[in-house]
């Protein structure tokens, strides 16, 4: 999407209505992480970013003339902090909003201390771009499971379990828009170069489960994929092929990491190799591209160890 950090963009992909998107400037990088707002009878924010720059989301609500008190739902696809890190801050500002969280992650957003420790281990130096998430009162949290429906009015969000990227991940289907909020189940979409790339962070990444998630999305056959990373993508009648491309990218990525592990001496050498060879530097900048490659390689190495 051709917009600046913080700009509110109407989603016009496919036949989407009542849906807006903004770039939160995640990791001080344009074009990497965003959130969606569904302006319906029961307005919702879908995804919440790191918490850094959460005020951009509040400003977007103001621009759309959605009063903080009228926000009904804060929805996260999973509890990785690039998706759920801002949930507590938004809940504090929007006192009537329920926070919809995949069932396995509810306790970790009520008390995020373990989540913070795990995130620091996974992201390393990137932690400098995070803020400590605020705990969310358990009375505000709604546990979401496979098959649950969040009623927003004209739109509803139907939950589908997608555990390959993380065991606590759901995707949300919006039938009225023939769209799916895919979280990280369909990879990372870079709209500038129109490139799909892998996401395989520690510690829950599982290739076979990821491929099963792709098949589930293919069965849903949406016209529009709403990526947190990054932005809406109209696929029309080509959803199956677009998603199959990600399955191929992810499988080849795992094979590449495994091959480098066999070739090089020690996992640190593997991580150093991928840190220096990311192809996404022109899109995200060298620092973010390198850090992303290391994190994804580390996730694959953990998966390979568990698969032995």
C-alpha atoms as a PDB file:
ATOM      1  CA  UNK A   1       0.000   0.000   0.000  1.00  0.00           C
ATOM      2  CA  UNK A   2       1.303   3.421  -0.935  1.00  0.00           C
ATOM      3  CA  UNK A   3       0.786   5.351   2.293  1.00  0.00           C
ATOM      4  CA  UNK A   4       2.701   6.861   5.176  1.00  0.00           C
ATOM      5  CA  UNK A   5       2.947   5.460   8.683  1.00  0.00           C
ATOM      6  CA  UNK A   6      -0.255   6.299  10.548  1.00  0.00           C
ATOM      7  CA  UNK A   7      -2.344   7.103   7.465  1.00  0.00           C
ATOM      8  CA  UNK A   8      -5.796   5.526   7.546  1.00  0.00           C
ATOM      9  CA  UNK A   9      -6.510   3.723   4.290  1.00  0.00           C
ATOM     10  CA  UNK A  10      -9.891   2.358   3.258  1.00  0.00           C
ATOM     11  CA  UNK A  11      -9.599  -1.271   2.190  1.00  0.00           C
ATOM     12  CA  UNK A  12     -10.995  -1.443  -1.325  1.00  0.00           C
ATOM     13  CA  UNK A  13      -9.501  -4.791  -2.328  1.00  0.00           C
ATOM     14  CA  UNK A  14     -12.114  -7.092  -3.784  1.00  0.00           C
ATOM     15  CA  UNK A  15     -15.509  -5.865  -2.632  1.00  0.00           C
ATOM     16  CA  UNK A  16     -14.505  -5.013   0.939  1.00  0.00           C
ATOM     17  CA  UNK A  17     -16.582  -2.467   2.832  1.00  0.00           C
ATOM     18  CA  UNK A  18     -16.335  -0.892   6.296  1.00  0.00           C
ATOM     19  CA  UNK A  19     -12.701  -1.969   6.645  1.00  0.00           C
ATOM     20  CA  UNK A  20      -9.677   0.281   7.160  1.00  0.00           C
ATOM     21  CA  UNK A  21      -5.960  -0.322   7.530  1.00  0.00           C
ATOM     22  CA  UNK A  22      -3.022   1.610   8.909  1.00  0.00           C
ATOM     23  CA  UNK A  23       0.719   1.097   9.097  1.00  0.00           C
ATOM     24  CA  UNK A  24       1.873   1.344  12.722  1.00  0.00           C
ATOM     25  CA  UNK A  25       5.545   1.784  11.850  1.00  0.00           C
ATOM     26  CA  UNK A  26       6.437  -1.465  13.588  1.00  0.00           C
ATOM     27  CA  UNK A  27      10.170  -1.779  14.370  1.00  0.00           C
ATOM     28  CA  UNK A  28      10.486   1.771  12.994  1.00  0.00           C
ATOM     29  CA  UNK A  29       9.957   0.185   9.587  1.00  0.00           C
ATOM     30  CA  UNK A  30       7.365   1.253   7.039  1.00  0.00           C
ATOM     31  CA  UNK A  31       5.470  -1.478   5.250  1.00  0.00           C
ATOM     32  CA  UNK A  32       5.977  -4.217   7.829  1.00  0.00           C
ATOM     33  CA  UNK A  33       3.175  -4.218  10.419  1.00  0.00           C
ATOM     34  CA  UNK A  34      -0.341  -2.866  10.545  1.00  0.00           C
ATOM     35  CA  UNK A  35      -3.772  -3.094  12.105  1.00  0.00           C
ATOM     36  CA  UNK A  36      -7.318  -3.139  10.753  1.00  0.00           C
ATOM     37  CA  UNK A  37     -10.440  -1.331  11.905  1.00  0.00           C
ATOM     38  CA  UNK A  38     -13.907  -2.615  11.035  1.00  0.00           C
ATOM     39  CA  UNK A  39     -16.390   0.275  11.260  1.00  0.00           C
ATOM     40  CA  UNK A  40     -19.647  -1.546  11.919  1.00  0.00           C
ATOM     41  CA  UNK A  41     -22.465  -1.423  14.474  1.00  0.00           C
ATOM     42  CA  UNK A  42     -20.003  -2.962  16.933  1.00  0.00           C
ATOM     43  CA  UNK A  43     -16.679  -1.481  15.794  1.00  0.00           C
ATOM     44  CA  UNK A  44     -13.552  -3.583  16.088  1.00  0.00           C
ATOM     45  CA  UNK A  45      -9.796  -3.244  15.933  1.00  0.00           C
ATOM     46  CA  UNK A  46      -8.167  -6.379  14.523  1.00  0.00           C
ATOM     47  CA  UNK A  47      -4.542  -6.784  15.662  1.00  0.00           C
ATOM     48  CA  UNK A  48      -2.876  -4.241  17.939  1.00  0.00           C
ATOM     49  CA  UNK A  49       0.801  -4.055  17.006  1.00  0.00           C
ATOM     50  CA  UNK A  50       3.702  -3.917  19.431  1.00  0.00           C
ATOM     51  CA  UNK A  51       2.110  -1.286  21.632  1.00  0.00           C
ATOM     52  CA  UNK A  52       4.711   1.130  20.320  1.00  0.00           C
ATOM     53  CA  UNK A  53       2.871   3.900  18.473  1.00  0.00           C
ATOM     54  CA  UNK A  54      -0.469   2.617  19.776  1.00  0.00           C
ATOM     55  CA  UNK A  55      -1.585   6.232  19.750  1.00  0.00           C
ATOM     56  CA  UNK A  56      -1.719   5.975  15.951  1.00  0.00           C
ATOM     57  CA  UNK A  57      -4.543   3.452  16.345  1.00  0.00           C
ATOM     58  CA  UNK A  58      -6.390   5.789  18.699  1.00  0.00           C
ATOM     59  CA  UNK A  59      -5.929   8.651  16.236  1.00  0.00           C
ATOM     60  CA  UNK A  60      -7.320   6.411  13.489  1.00  0.00           C
ATOM     61  CA  UNK A  61     -10.433   5.762  15.570  1.00  0.00           C
ATOM     62  CA  UNK A  62     -10.849   9.511  15.972  1.00  0.00           C
ATOM     63  CA  UNK A  63     -10.442  10.057  12.232  1.00  0.00           C
ATOM     64  CA  UNK A  64     -13.158   7.470  11.575  1.00  0.00           C
ATOM     65  CA  UNK A  65     -15.330   9.158  14.233  1.00  0.00           C
ATOM     66  CA  UNK A  66     -15.411   6.052  16.409  1.00  0.00           C
ATOM     67  CA  UNK A  67     -15.462   7.201  20.024  1.00  0.00           C
ATOM     68  CA  UNK A  68     -13.154   5.277  22.330  1.00  0.00           C
ATOM     69  CA  UNK A  69     -16.190   4.390  24.445  1.00  0.00           C
ATOM     70  CA  UNK A  70     -17.929   2.920  21.379  1.00  0.00           C
ATOM     71  CA  UNK A  71     -15.183   0.517  20.371  1.00  0.00           C
ATOM     72  CA  UNK A  72     -16.736  -2.899  21.017  1.00  0.00           C
ATOM     73  CA  UNK A  73     -13.975  -5.365  20.189  1.00  0.00           C
ATOM     74  CA  UNK A  74     -10.200  -5.634  20.246  1.00  0.00           C
ATOM     75  CA  UNK A  75      -9.332  -8.820  18.351  1.00  0.00           C
ATOM     76  CA  UNK A  76      -5.953 -10.542  18.050  1.00  0.00           C
ATOM     77  CA  UNK A  77      -5.092 -13.495  15.832  1.00  0.00           C
ATOM     78  CA  UNK A  78      -2.471 -14.744  18.293  1.00  0.00           C
ATOM     79  CA  UNK A  79      -0.507 -13.517  21.269  1.00  0.00           C
ATOM     80  CA  UNK A  80       2.902 -12.873  19.721  1.00  0.00           C
ATOM     81  CA  UNK A  81       3.573  -9.315  20.786  1.00  0.00           C
ATOM     82  CA  UNK A  82       3.748  -7.905  17.264  1.00  0.00           C
ATOM     83  CA  UNK A  83       0.039  -8.777  17.130  1.00  0.00           C
ATOM     84  CA  UNK A  84      -1.117  -8.490  20.747  1.00  0.00           C
ATOM     85  CA  UNK A  85       1.405  -6.152  22.363  1.00  0.00           C
ATOM     86  CA  UNK A  86      -0.881  -3.141  22.179  1.00  0.00           C
ATOM     87  CA  UNK A  87      -4.034  -4.890  23.402  1.00  0.00           C
ATOM     88  CA  UNK A  88      -3.694  -3.757  27.011  1.00  0.00           C
ATOM     89  CA  UNK A  89      -2.987  -0.162  26.041  1.00  0.00           C
ATOM     90  CA  UNK A  90      -6.011  -0.078  23.737  1.00  0.00           C
ATOM     91  CA  UNK A  91      -8.186  -1.724  26.390  1.00  0.00           C
ATOM     92  CA  UNK A  92      -7.130   0.957  28.865  1.00  0.00           C
ATOM     93  CA  UNK A  93      -8.112   3.720  26.428  1.00  0.00           C
ATOM     94  CA  UNK A  94     -11.324   2.032  25.227  1.00  0.00           C
ATOM     95  CA  UNK A  95     -13.143   1.019  28.421  1.00  0.00           C
ATOM     96  CA  UNK A  96     -16.097  -0.790  26.849  1.00  0.00           C
ATOM     97  CA  UNK A  97     -14.198  -2.969  24.408  1.00  0.00           C
ATOM     98  CA  UNK A  98     -13.955  -6.703  24.980  1.00  0.00           C
ATOM     99  CA  UNK A  99     -10.572  -8.207  24.131  1.00  0.00           C
ATOM    100  CA  UNK A 100     -10.946 -11.334  21.996  1.00  0.00           C
ATOM    101  CA  UNK A 101      -8.008 -13.701  22.446  1.00  0.00           C
ATOM    102  CA  UNK A 102      -7.397 -17.273  21.223  1.00  0.00           C
ATOM    103  CA  UNK A 103      -8.180 -19.548  24.158  1.00  0.00           C
ATOM    104  CA  UNK A 104      -4.632 -20.838  24.790  1.00  0.00           C
ATOM    105  CA  UNK A 105      -3.343 -17.280  25.154  1.00  0.00           C
ATOM    106  CA  UNK A 106      -5.832 -15.694  27.524  1.00  0.00           C
ATOM    107  CA  UNK A 107      -3.837 -16.184  30.718  1.00  0.00           C
ATOM    108  CA  UNK A 108      -0.686 -14.833  29.075  1.00  0.00           C
ATOM    109  CA  UNK A 109      -2.349 -11.529  28.246  1.00  0.00           C
ATOM    110  CA  UNK A 110      -3.826 -11.289  31.735  1.00  0.00           C
ATOM    111  CA  UNK A 111      -0.286 -11.721  33.090  1.00  0.00           C
ATOM    112  CA  UNK A 112       2.175 -11.093  30.245  1.00  0.00           C
ATOM    113  CA  UNK A 113       5.388 -11.656  32.216  1.00  0.00           C
ATOM    114  CA  UNK A 114       6.099 -15.086  30.675  1.00  0.00           C
ATOM    115  CA  UNK A 115       5.170 -13.766  27.244  1.00  0.00           C
ATOM    116  CA  UNK A 116       7.660 -10.928  27.621  1.00  0.00           C
ATOM    117  CA  UNK A 117      10.436 -13.318  28.646  1.00  0.00           C
ATOM    118  CA  UNK A 118       9.748 -15.599  25.687  1.00  0.00           C
ATOM    119  CA  UNK A 119       9.605 -12.682  23.276  1.00  0.00           C
ATOM    120  CA  UNK A 120      12.931 -11.307  24.460  1.00  0.00           C
ATOM    121  CA  UNK A 121      14.500 -14.718  23.849  1.00  0.00           C
ATOM    122  CA  UNK A 122      12.983 -14.928  20.360  1.00  0.00           C
ATOM    123  CA  UNK A 123      13.633 -11.420  19.037  1.00  0.00           C
ATOM    124  CA  UNK A 124      16.963 -10.549  20.657  1.00  0.00           C
ATOM    125  CA  UNK A 125      18.059  -6.979  19.977  1.00  0.00           C
ATOM    126  CA  UNK A 126      14.709  -6.171  18.368  1.00  0.00           C
ATOM    127  CA  UNK A 127      13.244  -5.885  21.878  1.00  0.00           C
ATOM    128  CA  UNK A 128      14.355  -2.237  21.813  1.00  0.00           C
ATOM    129  CA  UNK A 129      11.316  -1.552  19.602  1.00  0.00           C
ATOM    130  CA  UNK A 130       8.796  -3.061  22.030  1.00  0.00           C
ATOM    131  CA  UNK A 131       7.059  -1.685  25.091  1.00  0.00           C
ATOM    132  CA  UNK A 132       6.086  -3.772  28.097  1.00  0.00           C
ATOM    133  CA  UNK A 133       2.485  -4.872  27.500  1.00  0.00           C
ATOM    134  CA  UNK A 134      -0.131  -3.870  30.039  1.00  0.00           C
ATOM    135  CA  UNK A 135      -1.932  -6.727  31.814  1.00  0.00           C
ATOM    136  CA  UNK A 136      -5.583  -7.019  30.810  1.00  0.00           C
ATOM    137  CA  UNK A 137      -8.286  -7.568  33.412  1.00  0.00           C
ATOM    138  CA  UNK A 138      -9.584 -11.111  33.011  1.00  0.00           C
ATOM    139  CA  UNK A 139     -13.143  -9.750  33.027  1.00  0.00           C
ATOM    140  CA  UNK A 140     -12.356  -7.927  29.777  1.00  0.00           C
ATOM    141  CA  UNK A 141     -10.944 -10.984  27.975  1.00  0.00           C
ATOM    142  CA  UNK A 142     -13.165 -13.185  25.801  1.00  0.00           C
ATOM    143  CA  UNK A 143     -11.669 -16.597  25.049  1.00  0.00           C
ATOM    144  CA  UNK A 144     -12.071 -17.553  21.373  1.00  0.00           C
ATOM    145  CA  UNK A 145     -11.964 -21.063  19.950  1.00  0.00           C
ATOM    146  CA  UNK A 146     -12.429 -22.762  16.586  1.00  0.00           C
ATOM    147  CA  UNK A 147     -15.923 -22.078  15.247  1.00  0.00           C
ATOM    148  CA  UNK A 148     -16.684 -19.092  17.476  1.00  0.00           C
ATOM    149  CA  UNK A 149     -18.243 -16.044  15.834  1.00  0.00           C
ATOM    150  CA  UNK A 150     -17.682 -12.405  16.804  1.00  0.00           C
ATOM    151  CA  UNK A 151     -20.778 -10.440  15.766  1.00  0.00           C
ATOM    152  CA  UNK A 152     -19.947  -6.917  14.618  1.00  0.00           C
ATOM    153  CA  UNK A 153     -23.265  -6.169  12.881  1.00  0.00           C
ATOM    154  CA  UNK A 154     -23.147  -6.400   9.094  1.00  0.00           C
ATOM    155  CA  UNK A 155     -19.855  -8.214   9.493  1.00  0.00           C
ATOM    156  CA  UNK A 156     -18.949 -11.180  11.632  1.00  0.00           C
ATOM    157  CA  UNK A 157     -15.588 -12.741  12.326  1.00  0.00           C
ATOM    158  CA  UNK A 158     -15.562 -16.538  12.196  1.00  0.00           C
ATOM    159  CA  UNK A 159     -12.619 -18.121  13.997  1.00  0.00           C
ATOM    160  CA  UNK A 160     -10.557 -20.907  12.426  1.00  0.00           C
ATOM    161  CA  UNK A 161      -7.657 -22.571  14.245  1.00  0.00           C
ATOM    162  CA  UNK A 162      -4.313 -22.151  12.440  1.00  0.00           C
ATOM    163  CA  UNK A 163      -1.651 -23.573  14.788  1.00  0.00           C
ATOM    164  CA  UNK A 164       1.337 -23.989  12.455  1.00  0.00           C
ATOM    165  CA  UNK A 165       2.910 -20.600  13.105  1.00  0.00           C
ATOM    166  CA  UNK A 166       1.900 -20.690  16.769  1.00  0.00           C
ATOM    167  CA  UNK A 167      -0.352 -23.103  18.649  1.00  0.00           C
ATOM    168  CA  UNK A 168      -2.417 -20.128  19.848  1.00  0.00           C
ATOM    169  CA  UNK A 169      -3.189 -18.708  16.392  1.00  0.00           C
ATOM    170  CA  UNK A 170      -6.616 -18.200  14.858  1.00  0.00           C
ATOM    171  CA  UNK A 171      -7.563 -16.617  11.563  1.00  0.00           C
ATOM    172  CA  UNK A 172     -10.821 -14.704  11.234  1.00  0.00           C
ATOM    173  CA  UNK A 173     -13.072 -15.046   8.223  1.00  0.00           C
ATOM    174  CA  UNK A 174     -15.316 -12.089   7.312  1.00  0.00           C
ATOM    175  CA  UNK A 175     -17.906 -13.653   4.969  1.00  0.00           C
ATOM    176  CA  UNK A 176     -19.555 -10.321   4.132  1.00  0.00           C
ATOM    177  CA  UNK A 177     -16.266  -9.122   2.635  1.00  0.00           C
ATOM    178  CA  UNK A 178     -15.188 -12.566   1.394  1.00  0.00           C
ATOM    179  CA  UNK A 179     -11.959 -11.845   3.250  1.00  0.00           C
ATOM    180  CA  UNK A 180      -9.797 -13.468   5.913  1.00  0.00           C
ATOM    181  CA  UNK A 181      -7.640 -11.775   8.534  1.00  0.00           C
ATOM    182  CA  UNK A 182      -4.798 -14.251   8.138  1.00  0.00           C
ATOM    183  CA  UNK A 183      -2.466 -13.303  11.002  1.00  0.00           C
ATOM    184  CA  UNK A 184       0.772 -15.084  10.109  1.00  0.00           C
ATOM    185  CA  UNK A 185      -0.842 -18.182   8.595  1.00  0.00           C
ATOM    186  CA  UNK A 186      -0.265 -17.062   5.001  1.00  0.00           C
ATOM    187  CA  UNK A 187       3.238 -15.669   5.349  1.00  0.00           C
ATOM    188  CA  UNK A 188       4.441 -12.097   5.010  1.00  0.00           C
ATOM    189  CA  UNK A 189       3.246 -10.131   2.007  1.00  0.00           C
ATOM    190  CA  UNK A 190       5.424  -7.278   0.743  1.00  0.00           C
ATOM    191  CA  UNK A 191       3.098  -5.277  -1.526  1.00  0.00           C
ATOM    192  CA  UNK A 192       5.829  -3.122  -3.088  1.00  0.00           C
ATOM    193  CA  UNK A 193       7.768  -5.927  -4.771  1.00  0.00           C
ATOM    194  CA  UNK A 194       4.659  -8.172  -4.593  1.00  0.00           C
ATOM    195  CA  UNK A 195       6.666 -10.819  -2.772  1.00  0.00           C
ATOM    196  CA  UNK A 196       5.522 -13.458  -0.314  1.00  0.00           C
ATOM    197  CA  UNK A 197       8.108 -14.524   2.231  1.00  0.00           C
ATOM    198  CA  UNK A 198       8.351 -16.915   5.141  1.00  0.00           C
ATOM    199  CA  UNK A 199       7.592 -16.434   8.802  1.00  0.00           C
ATOM    200  CA  UNK A 200       8.882 -19.220  11.071  1.00  0.00           C
ATOM    201  CA  UNK A 201       9.758 -17.841  14.507  1.00  0.00           C
ATOM    202  CA  UNK A 202      10.574 -19.902  17.572  1.00  0.00           C
ATOM    203  CA  UNK A 203       9.331 -21.679  19.504  1.00  0.00           C
ATOM    204  CA  UNK A 204       6.148 -23.178  18.046  1.00  0.00           C
ATOM    205  CA  UNK A 205       6.825 -23.223  14.297  1.00  0.00           C
ATOM    206  CA  UNK A 206       5.759 -26.515  12.708  1.00  0.00           C
ATOM    207  CA  UNK A 207       6.036 -26.949   8.937  1.00  0.00           C
ATOM    208  CA  UNK A 208       3.424 -29.688   8.589  1.00  0.00           C
ATOM    209  CA  UNK A 209       0.907 -27.714  10.629  1.00  0.00           C
ATOM    210  CA  UNK A 210       1.653 -24.593   8.564  1.00  0.00           C
ATOM    211  CA  UNK A 211       0.967 -26.490   5.355  1.00  0.00           C
ATOM    212  CA  UNK A 212      -2.296 -27.761   6.851  1.00  0.00           C
ATOM    213  CA  UNK A 213      -3.199 -24.153   7.688  1.00  0.00           C
ATOM    214  CA  UNK A 214      -2.595 -23.201   4.060  1.00  0.00           C
ATOM    215  CA  UNK A 215      -4.960 -25.965   2.966  1.00  0.00           C
ATOM    216  CA  UNK A 216      -7.593 -24.702   5.405  1.00  0.00           C
ATOM    217  CA  UNK A 217      -7.311 -21.201   3.932  1.00  0.00           C
ATOM    218  CA  UNK A 218      -7.562 -22.638   0.431  1.00  0.00           C
ATOM    219  CA  UNK A 219     -10.812 -24.328   1.428  1.00  0.00           C
ATOM    220  CA  UNK A 220     -12.165 -20.985   2.668  1.00  0.00           C
ATOM    221  CA  UNK A 221     -11.250 -19.599  -0.785  1.00  0.00           C
ATOM    222  CA  UNK A 222     -11.421 -15.876   0.068  1.00  0.00           C
ATOM    223  CA  UNK A 223     -11.250 -13.080  -2.480  1.00  0.00           C
ATOM    224  CA  UNK A 224      -9.066 -10.998  -0.154  1.00  0.00           C
ATOM    225  CA  UNK A 225      -6.251 -11.897   2.233  1.00  0.00           C
ATOM    226  CA  UNK A 226      -5.855  -9.320   5.007  1.00  0.00           C
ATOM    227  CA  UNK A 227      -2.240  -9.610   6.145  1.00  0.00           C
ATOM    228  CA  UNK A 228      -0.992  -8.114   9.383  1.00  0.00           C
ATOM    229  CA  UNK A 229       2.368  -8.153   7.603  1.00  0.00           C
ATOM    230  CA  UNK A 230       1.423  -6.384   5.403  1.00  0.00           C
ATOM    231  CA  UNK A 231      -1.849  -5.065   4.093  1.00  0.00           C
ATOM    232  CA  UNK A 232      -4.806  -6.258   2.029  1.00  0.00           C
ATOM    233  CA  UNK A 233      -4.182  -8.422  -1.003  1.00  0.00           C
ATOM    234  CA  UNK A 234      -6.899  -9.118  -3.552  1.00  0.00           C
ATOM    235  CA  UNK A 235      -6.504 -12.639  -4.908  1.00  0.00           C
ATOM    236  CA  UNK A 236      -9.951 -13.060  -6.478  1.00  0.00           C
ATOM    237  CA  UNK A 237     -10.345 -16.496  -8.007  1.00  0.00           C
ATOM    238  CA  UNK A 238      -6.632 -17.211  -7.503  1.00  0.00           C
ATOM    239  CA  UNK A 239      -6.616 -17.804  -3.741  1.00  0.00           C
ATOM    240  CA  UNK A 240      -5.570 -21.427  -4.133  1.00  0.00           C
ATOM    241  CA  UNK A 241      -2.562 -20.533  -6.293  1.00  0.00           C
ATOM    242  CA  UNK A 242      -1.553 -17.564  -4.124  1.00  0.00           C
ATOM    243  CA  UNK A 243      -1.611 -19.695  -1.001  1.00  0.00           C
ATOM    244  CA  UNK A 244       0.150 -22.587  -2.711  1.00  0.00           C
ATOM    245  CA  UNK A 245       2.954 -20.171  -3.541  1.00  0.00           C
ATOM    246  CA  UNK A 246       3.414 -19.580   0.178  1.00  0.00           C
ATOM    247  CA  UNK A 247       3.447 -23.313   0.868  1.00  0.00           C
ATOM    248  CA  UNK A 248       6.252 -23.646  -1.677  1.00  0.00           C
ATOM    249  CA  UNK A 249       8.191 -20.679  -0.273  1.00  0.00           C
ATOM    250  CA  UNK A 250       7.947 -22.041   3.263  1.00  0.00           C
ATOM    251  CA  UNK A 251       8.937 -25.585   2.315  1.00  0.00           C
ATOM    252  CA  UNK A 252      11.933 -24.349   0.329  1.00  0.00           C
ATOM    253  CA  UNK A 253      12.953 -22.111   3.233  1.00  0.00           C
ATOM    254  CA  UNK A 254      12.990 -25.032   5.674  1.00  0.00           C
ATOM    255  CA  UNK A 255      14.993 -27.076   3.166  1.00  0.00           C
ATOM    256  CA  UNK A 256      17.472 -24.215   2.780  1.00  0.00           C
ATOM    257  CA  UNK A 257      18.023 -23.879   6.531  1.00  0.00           C
ATOM    258  CA  UNK A 258      18.440 -27.635   6.887  1.00  0.00           C
ATOM    259  CA  UNK A 259      20.944 -27.683   4.031  1.00  0.00           C
ATOM    260  CA  UNK A 260      22.985 -24.857   5.567  1.00  0.00           C
ATOM    261  CA  UNK A 261      23.039 -26.655   8.906  1.00  0.00           C
ATOM    262  CA  UNK A 262      24.556 -29.687   7.170  1.00  0.00           C
ATOM    263  CA  UNK A 263      27.053 -27.510   5.304  1.00  0.00           C
ATOM    264  CA  UNK A 264      28.243 -25.160   8.057  1.00  0.00           C
ATOM    265  CA  UNK A 265      29.782 -25.803  11.450  1.00  0.00           C
ATOM    266  CA  UNK A 266      27.322 -24.984  14.216  1.00  0.00           C
ATOM    267  CA  UNK A 267      23.992 -23.205  14.376  1.00  0.00           C
ATOM    268  CA  UNK A 268      25.603 -19.819  15.032  1.00  0.00           C
ATOM    269  CA  UNK A 269      27.258 -20.069  11.631  1.00  0.00           C
ATOM    270  CA  UNK A 270      23.864 -20.841  10.104  1.00  0.00           C
ATOM    271  CA  UNK A 271      22.319 -17.772  11.731  1.00  0.00           C
ATOM    272  CA  UNK A 272      25.228 -15.587  10.632  1.00  0.00           C
ATOM    273  CA  UNK A 273      24.805 -16.805   7.066  1.00  0.00           C
ATOM    274  CA  UNK A 274      21.137 -15.859   6.913  1.00  0.00           C
ATOM    275  CA  UNK A 275      21.714 -12.576   8.744  1.00  0.00           C
ATOM    276  CA  UNK A 276      24.021 -11.543   5.922  1.00  0.00           C
ATOM    277  CA  UNK A 277      21.985 -12.852   3.001  1.00  0.00           C
ATOM    278  CA  UNK A 278      18.390 -11.625   3.411  1.00  0.00           C
ATOM    279  CA  UNK A 279      16.746 -10.534   0.175  1.00  0.00           C
ATOM    280  CA  UNK A 280      14.356  -8.156   1.973  1.00  0.00           C
ATOM    281  CA  UNK A 281      16.824  -5.361   2.793  1.00  0.00           C
ATOM    282  CA  UNK A 282      15.536  -3.151  -0.020  1.00  0.00           C
ATOM    283  CA  UNK A 283      12.001  -3.504   1.356  1.00  0.00           C
ATOM    284  CA  UNK A 284      12.476  -3.277   5.138  1.00  0.00           C
ATOM    285  CA  UNK A 285      15.994  -1.921   5.496  1.00  0.00           C
ATOM    286  CA  UNK A 286      19.087  -3.944   6.333  1.00  0.00           C
ATOM    287  CA  UNK A 287      18.590  -4.039  10.113  1.00  0.00           C
ATOM    288  CA  UNK A 288      15.037  -5.386  10.090  1.00  0.00           C
ATOM    289  CA  UNK A 289      15.668  -7.755   7.188  1.00  0.00           C
ATOM    290  CA  UNK A 290      18.670  -9.282   8.937  1.00  0.00           C
ATOM    291  CA  UNK A 291      16.892  -9.616  12.292  1.00  0.00           C
ATOM    292  CA  UNK A 292      13.861 -11.208  10.626  1.00  0.00           C
ATOM    293  CA  UNK A 293      16.032 -13.751   8.820  1.00  0.00           C
ATOM    294  CA  UNK A 294      17.821 -14.733  12.034  1.00  0.00           C
ATOM    295  CA  UNK A 295      14.567 -15.140  13.952  1.00  0.00           C
ATOM    296  CA  UNK A 296      13.009 -17.247  11.201  1.00  0.00           C
ATOM    297  CA  UNK A 297      16.116 -19.404  10.853  1.00  0.00           C
ATOM    298  CA  UNK A 298      16.186 -19.952  14.610  1.00  0.00           C
ATOM    299  CA  UNK A 299      12.573 -21.124  14.473  1.00  0.00           C
ATOM    300  CA  UNK A 300      13.362 -23.640  11.737  1.00  0.00           C
ATOM    301  CA  UNK A 301      16.378 -24.961  13.628  1.00  0.00           C
ATOM    302  CA  UNK A 302      14.156 -25.562  16.645  1.00  0.00           C
ATOM    303  CA  UNK A 303      11.598 -27.314  14.458  1.00  0.00           C
ATOM    304  CA  UNK A 304      14.290 -29.556  12.960  1.00  0.00           C
ATOM    305  CA  UNK A 305      15.538 -30.461  16.433  1.00  0.00           C
ATOM    306  CA  UNK A 306      12.029 -31.351  17.579  1.00  0.00           C
ATOM    307  CA  UNK A 307      11.455 -33.415  14.432  1.00  0.00           C
ATOM    308  CA  UNK A 308      14.480 -35.653  15.009  1.00  0.00           C
END
